[in-house]
PDB file of N, CA and C in Angstrom:
ATOM      1  N   MET A   1     -12.556  48.247-116.345  1.00  0.00           N
ATOM      2  CA  MET A   1     -13.659  48.395-115.405  1.00  0.00           C
ATOM      3  C   MET A   1     -14.933  48.732-116.171  1.00  0.00           C
ATOM      4  N   ALA A   2     -15.950  48.033-115.850  1.00  0.00           N
ATOM      5  CA  ALA A   2     -17.242  48.270-116.486  1.00  0.00           C
ATOM      6  C   ALA A   2     -18.063  49.246-115.655  1.00  0.00           C
ATOM      7  N   LYS A   3     -18.720  50.159-116.339  1.00  0.00           N
ATOM      8  CA  LYS A   3     -19.619  51.086-115.655  1.00  0.00           C
ATOM      9  C   LYS A   3     -20.969  50.413-115.468  1.00  0.00           C
ATOM     10  N   PHE A   4     -21.653  50.757-114.375  1.00  0.00           N
ATOM     11  CA  PHE A   4     -22.997  50.249-114.150  1.00  0.00           C
ATOM     12  C   PHE A   4     -23.786  51.280-113.370  1.00  0.00           C
ATOM     13  N   GLU A   5     -25.097  51.155-113.402  1.00  0.00           N
ATOM     14  CA  GLU A   5     -25.963  52.082-112.680  1.00  0.00           C
ATOM     15  C   GLU A   5     -26.221  51.566-111.279  1.00  0.00           C
ATOM     16  N   ASP A   6     -26.196  52.485-110.328  1.00  0.00           N
ATOM     17  CA  ASP A   6     -26.464  52.161-108.935  1.00  0.00           C
ATOM     18  C   ASP A   6     -27.504  53.147-108.427  1.00  0.00           C
ATOM     19  N   VAL A   7     -28.196  52.777-107.380  1.00  0.00           N
ATOM     20  CA  VAL A   7     -29.227  53.633-106.803  1.00  0.00           C
ATOM     21  C   VAL A   7     -28.853  53.936-105.358  1.00  0.00           C
ATOM     22  N   LYS A   8     -28.946  55.190-105.006  1.00  0.00           N
ATOM     23  CA  LYS A   8     -28.635  55.623-103.644  1.00  0.00           C
ATOM     24  C   LYS A   8     -29.897  56.231-103.028  1.00  0.00           C
ATOM     25  N   GLY A   9     -30.159  55.921-101.779  1.00  0.00           N
ATOM     26  CA  GLY A   9     -31.284  56.515-101.066  1.00  0.00           C
ATOM     27  C   GLY A   9     -32.617  55.828-101.260  1.00  0.00           C
ATOM     28  N   ALA A  10     -32.649  54.693-101.939  1.00  0.00           N
ATOM     29  CA  ALA A  10     -33.913  54.014-102.217  1.00  0.00           C
ATOM     30  C   ALA A  10     -34.599  53.509-100.951  1.00  0.00           C
ATOM     31  N   VAL A  11     -33.843  53.276 -99.888  1.00  0.00           N
ATOM     32  CA  VAL A  11     -34.454  52.783 -98.646  1.00  0.00           C
ATOM     33  C   VAL A  11     -35.393  53.825 -98.034  1.00  0.00           C
ATOM     34  N   TYR A  12     -35.263  55.092 -98.456  1.00  0.00           N
ATOM     35  CA  TYR A  12     -36.126  56.156 -97.935  1.00  0.00           C
ATOM     36  C   TYR A  12     -37.340  56.400 -98.819  1.00  0.00           C
ATOM     37  N   GLY A  13     -37.480  55.619 -99.879  1.00  0.00           N
ATOM     38  CA  GLY A  13     -38.623  55.756-100.774  1.00  0.00           C
ATOM     39  C   GLY A  13     -38.203  56.208-102.157  1.00  0.00           C
ATOM     40  N   ARG A  14     -39.073  55.980-103.111  1.00  0.00           N
ATOM     41  CA  ARG A  14     -38.792  56.312-104.504  1.00  0.00           C
ATOM     42  C   ARG A  14     -38.500  57.798-104.698  1.00  0.00           C
ATOM     43  N   LYS A  15     -39.139  58.634-103.906  1.00  0.00           N
ATOM     44  CA  LYS A  15     -38.945  60.084-104.004  1.00  0.00           C
ATOM     45  C   LYS A  15     -37.491  60.475-103.758  1.00  0.00           C
ATOM     46  N   TYR A  16     -36.787  59.737-102.914  1.00  0.00           N
ATOM     47  CA  TYR A  16     -35.428  60.086-102.520  1.00  0.00           C
ATOM     48  C   TYR A  16     -34.353  59.282-103.257  1.00  0.00           C
ATOM     49  N   ALA A  17     -34.756  58.348-104.089  1.00  0.00           N
ATOM     50  CA  ALA A  17     -33.792  57.508-104.808  1.00  0.00           C
ATOM     51  C   ALA A  17     -33.089  58.309-105.902  1.00  0.00           C
ATOM     52  N   LYS A  18     -31.780  58.200-105.963  1.00  0.00           N
ATOM     53  CA  LYS A  18     -30.965  58.857-106.980  1.00  0.00           C
ATOM     54  C   LYS A  18     -30.192  57.780-107.735  1.00  0.00           C
ATOM     55  N   THR A  19     -30.300  57.782-109.051  1.00  0.00           N
ATOM     56  CA  THR A  19     -29.587  56.820-109.890  1.00  0.00           C
ATOM     57  C   THR A  19     -28.346  57.504-110.454  1.00  0.00           C
ATOM     58  N   TYR A  20     -27.226  56.811-110.415  1.00  0.00           N
ATOM     59  CA  TYR A  20     -25.987  57.352-110.955  1.00  0.00           C
ATOM     60  C   TYR A  20     -25.127  56.222-111.509  1.00  0.00           C
ATOM     61  N   THR A  21     -24.137  56.579-112.320  1.00  0.00           N
ATOM     62  CA  THR A  21     -23.229  55.612-112.915  1.00  0.00           C
ATOM     63  C   THR A  21     -21.971  55.530-112.068  1.00  0.00           C
ATOM     64  N   CYS A  22     -21.491  54.305-111.854  1.00  0.00           N
ATOM     65  CA  CYS A  22     -20.282  54.136-111.044  1.00  0.00           C
ATOM     66  C   CYS A  22     -19.465  52.957-111.558  1.00  0.00           C
ATOM     67  N   VAL A  23     -18.277  52.843-111.017  1.00  0.00           N
ATOM     68  CA  VAL A  23     -17.419  51.689-111.259  1.00  0.00           C
ATOM     69  C   VAL A  23     -17.114  51.075-109.903  1.00  0.00           C
ATOM     70  N   GLN A  24     -16.805  49.802-109.906  1.00  0.00           N
ATOM     71  CA  GLN A  24     -16.477  49.118-108.660  1.00  0.00           C
ATOM     72  C   GLN A  24     -15.022  48.677-108.718  1.00  0.00           C
ATOM     73  N   VAL A  25     -14.266  49.000-107.667  1.00  0.00           N
ATOM     74  CA  VAL A  25     -12.874  48.578-107.598  1.00  0.00           C
ATOM     75  C   VAL A  25     -12.723  47.570-106.472  1.00  0.00           C
ATOM     76  N   LYS A  26     -11.811  46.635-106.676  1.00  0.00           N
ATOM     77  CA  LYS A  26     -11.545  45.608-105.679  1.00  0.00           C
ATOM     78  C   LYS A  26     -10.206  45.935-105.013  1.00  0.00           C
ATOM     79  N   VAL A  27     -10.203  45.963-103.698  1.00  0.00           N
ATOM     80  CA  VAL A  27      -8.995  46.219-102.917  1.00  0.00           C
ATOM     81  C   VAL A  27      -8.929  45.193-101.794  1.00  0.00           C
ATOM     82  N   ASP A  28      -7.810  45.152-101.098  1.00  0.00           N
ATOM     83  CA  ASP A  28      -7.720  44.286 -99.929  1.00  0.00           C
ATOM     84  C   ASP A  28      -8.813  44.683 -98.953  1.00  0.00           C
ATOM     85  N   GLY A  29      -9.418  43.709 -98.306  1.00  0.00           N
ATOM     86  CA  GLY A  29     -10.552  43.951 -97.419  1.00  0.00           C
ATOM     87  C   GLY A  29     -10.327  45.025 -96.375  1.00  0.00           C
ATOM     88  N   ASP A  30      -9.136  45.088 -95.801  1.00  0.00           N
ATOM     89  CA  ASP A  30      -8.879  46.067 -94.746  1.00  0.00           C
ATOM     90  C   ASP A  30      -8.607  47.462 -95.291  1.00  0.00           C
ATOM     91  N   GLN A  31      -8.451  47.606 -96.607  1.00  0.00           N
ATOM     92  CA  GLN A  31      -8.172  48.911 -97.199  1.00  0.00           C
ATOM     93  C   GLN A  31      -9.419  49.595 -97.754  1.00  0.00           C
ATOM     94  N   ALA A  32     -10.517  48.873 -97.875  1.00  0.00           N
ATOM     95  CA  ALA A  32     -11.718  49.419 -98.502  1.00  0.00           C
ATOM     96  C   ALA A  32     -12.281  50.610 -97.723  1.00  0.00           C
ATOM     97  N   ILE A  33     -12.334  50.506 -96.420  1.00  0.00           N
ATOM     98  CA  ILE A  33     -12.903  51.587 -95.612  1.00  0.00           C
ATOM     99  C   ILE A  33     -12.013  52.827 -95.662  1.00  0.00           C
ATOM    100  N   SER A  34     -10.700  52.643 -95.575  1.00  0.00           N
ATOM    101  CA  SER A  34      -9.810  53.799 -95.620  1.00  0.00           C
ATOM    102  C   SER A  34      -9.817  54.441 -97.007  1.00  0.00           C
ATOM    103  N   LEU A  35      -9.914  53.639 -98.073  1.00  0.00           N
ATOM    104  CA  LEU A  35      -9.999  54.195 -99.427  1.00  0.00           C
ATOM    105  C   LEU A  35     -11.260  55.026 -99.582  1.00  0.00           C
ATOM    106  N   GLU A  36     -12.376  54.510 -99.080  1.00  0.00           N
ATOM    107  CA  GLU A  36     -13.637  55.260 -99.139  1.00  0.00           C
ATOM    108  C   GLU A  36     -13.478  56.610 -98.446  1.00  0.00           C
ATOM    109  N   GLY A  37     -12.887  56.631 -97.272  1.00  0.00           N
ATOM    110  CA  GLY A  37     -12.694  57.875 -96.533  1.00  0.00           C
ATOM    111  C   GLY A  37     -11.804  58.856 -97.273  1.00  0.00           C
ATOM    112  N   LYS A  38     -10.729  58.367 -97.881  1.00  0.00           N
ATOM    113  CA  LYS A  38      -9.823  59.245 -98.632  1.00  0.00           C
ATOM    114  C   LYS A  38     -10.516  59.847 -99.845  1.00  0.00           C
ATOM    115  N   LEU A  39     -11.299  59.032-100.554  1.00  0.00           N
ATOM    116  CA  LEU A  39     -12.014  59.536-101.727  1.00  0.00           C
ATOM    117  C   LEU A  39     -13.045  60.583-101.332  1.00  0.00           C
ATOM    118  N   ILE A  40     -13.782  60.328-100.278  1.00  0.00           N
ATOM    119  CA  ILE A  40     -14.785  61.286 -99.810  1.00  0.00           C
ATOM    120  C   ILE A  40     -14.121  62.589 -99.388  1.00  0.00           C
ATOM    121  N   ALA A  41     -12.973  62.504 -98.732  1.00  0.00           N
ATOM    122  CA  ALA A  41     -12.241  63.704 -98.315  1.00  0.00           C
ATOM    123  C   ALA A  41     -11.789  64.543 -99.513  1.00  0.00           C
ATOM    124  N   MET A  42     -11.574  63.883-100.667  1.00  0.00           N
ATOM    125  CA  MET A  42     -11.185  64.596-101.890  1.00  0.00           C
ATOM    126  C   MET A  42     -12.398  65.094-102.678  1.00  0.00           C
ATOM    127  N   GLY A  43     -13.604  64.840-102.166  1.00  0.00           N
ATOM    128  CA  GLY A  43     -14.817  65.294-102.832  1.00  0.00           C
ATOM    129  C   GLY A  43     -15.364  64.313-103.852  1.00  0.00           C
ATOM    130  N   ILE A  44     -14.901  63.078-103.820  1.00  0.00           N
ATOM    131  CA  ILE A  44     -15.367  62.045-104.746  1.00  0.00           C
ATOM    132  C   ILE A  44     -16.378  61.168-104.016  1.00  0.00           C
ATOM    133  N   GLU A  45     -17.537  60.991-104.618  1.00  0.00           N
ATOM    134  CA  GLU A  45     -18.567  60.172-103.981  1.00  0.00           C
ATOM    135  C   GLU A  45     -18.203  58.694-104.119  1.00  0.00           C
ATOM    136  N   ALA A  46     -18.080  58.014-102.987  1.00  0.00           N
ATOM    137  CA  ALA A  46     -17.687  56.609-102.970  1.00  0.00           C
ATOM    138  C   ALA A  46     -18.416  55.907-101.839  1.00  0.00           C
ATOM    139  N   GLY A  47     -18.528  54.583-101.960  1.00  0.00           N
ATOM    140  CA  GLY A  47     -19.191  53.809-100.920  1.00  0.00           C
ATOM    141  C   GLY A  47     -18.574  52.434-100.790  1.00  0.00           C
ATOM    142  N   ASN A  48     -18.273  52.046 -99.567  1.00  0.00           N
ATOM    143  CA  ASN A  48     -17.759  50.711 -99.273  1.00  0.00           C
ATOM    144  C   ASN A  48     -18.972  49.801 -99.152  1.00  0.00           C
ATOM    145  N   ILE A  49     -19.290  49.098-100.232  1.00  0.00           N
ATOM    146  CA  ILE A  49     -20.557  48.364-100.284  1.00  0.00           C
ATOM    147  C   ILE A  49     -20.449  46.908 -99.878  1.00  0.00           C
ATOM    148  N   ALA A  50     -19.234  46.367 -99.865  1.00  0.00           N
ATOM    149  CA  ALA A  50     -18.994  44.973 -99.487  1.00  0.00           C
ATOM    150  C   ALA A  50     -17.530  44.846 -99.090  1.00  0.00           C
ATOM    151  N   PRO A  51     -17.168  43.811 -98.357  1.00  0.00           N
ATOM    152  CA  PRO A  51     -15.755  43.647 -97.983  1.00  0.00           C
ATOM    153  C   PRO A  51     -14.845  43.619 -99.212  1.00  0.00           C
ATOM    154  N   GLY A  52     -13.900  44.532 -99.251  1.00  0.00           N
ATOM    155  CA  GLY A  52     -12.950  44.581-100.352  1.00  0.00           C
ATOM    156  C   GLY A  52     -13.444  45.226-101.621  1.00  0.00           C
ATOM    157  N   ARG A  53     -14.597  45.875-101.594  1.00  0.00           N
ATOM    158  CA  ARG A  53     -15.169  46.513-102.782  1.00  0.00           C
ATOM    159  C   ARG A  53     -15.583  47.944-102.465  1.00  0.00           C
ATOM    160  N   VAL A  54     -15.289  48.836-103.408  1.00  0.00           N
ATOM    161  CA  VAL A  54     -15.671  50.237-103.268  1.00  0.00           C
ATOM    162  C   VAL A  54     -16.308  50.686-104.578  1.00  0.00           C
ATOM    163  N   ASN A  55     -17.511  51.248-104.495  1.00  0.00           N
ATOM    164  CA  ASN A  55     -18.162  51.850-105.661  1.00  0.00           C
ATOM    165  C   ASN A  55     -17.757  53.316-105.729  1.00  0.00           C
ATOM    166  N   ILE A  56     -17.365  53.771-106.915  1.00  0.00           N
ATOM    167  CA  ILE A  56     -16.945  55.151-107.118  1.00  0.00           C
ATOM    168  C   ILE A  56     -17.833  55.759-108.183  1.00  0.00           C
ATOM    169  N   LYS A  57     -18.493  56.863-107.847  1.00  0.00           N
ATOM    170  CA  LYS A  57     -19.394  57.543-108.779  1.00  0.00           C
ATOM    171  C   LYS A  57     -18.569  58.193-109.889  1.00  0.00           C
ATOM    172  N   VAL A  58     -18.980  57.963-111.156  1.00  0.00           N
ATOM    173  CA  VAL A  58     -18.262  58.548-112.281  1.00  0.00           C
ATOM    174  C   VAL A  58     -19.118  59.510-113.104  1.00  0.00           C
ATOM    175  N   ASP A  59     -20.435  59.396-113.057  1.00  0.00           N
ATOM    176  CA  ASP A  59     -21.350  60.260-113.795  1.00  0.00           C
ATOM    177  C   ASP A  59     -22.576  60.532-112.943  1.00  0.00           C
ATOM    178  N   LYS A  60     -23.348  61.526-113.386  1.00  0.00           N
ATOM    179  CA  LYS A  60     -24.612  61.821-112.697  1.00  0.00           C
ATOM    180  C   LYS A  60     -25.662  60.845-113.109  1.00  0.00           C
TER     181      LYS A  60
END
């Protein structure tokens, strides 16, 4: 898995944009939303950004 930089909160303006490093995992389309919820419940920042894809924050 390759790490890449992602930006969160940019839709609210540059002042609120946060850049962080994450990895993207591919799962079955119907499992992406439940995986995101499980990761968030464990305190891991994750986002279901597209069908079958979940971004997981790995660094600040």
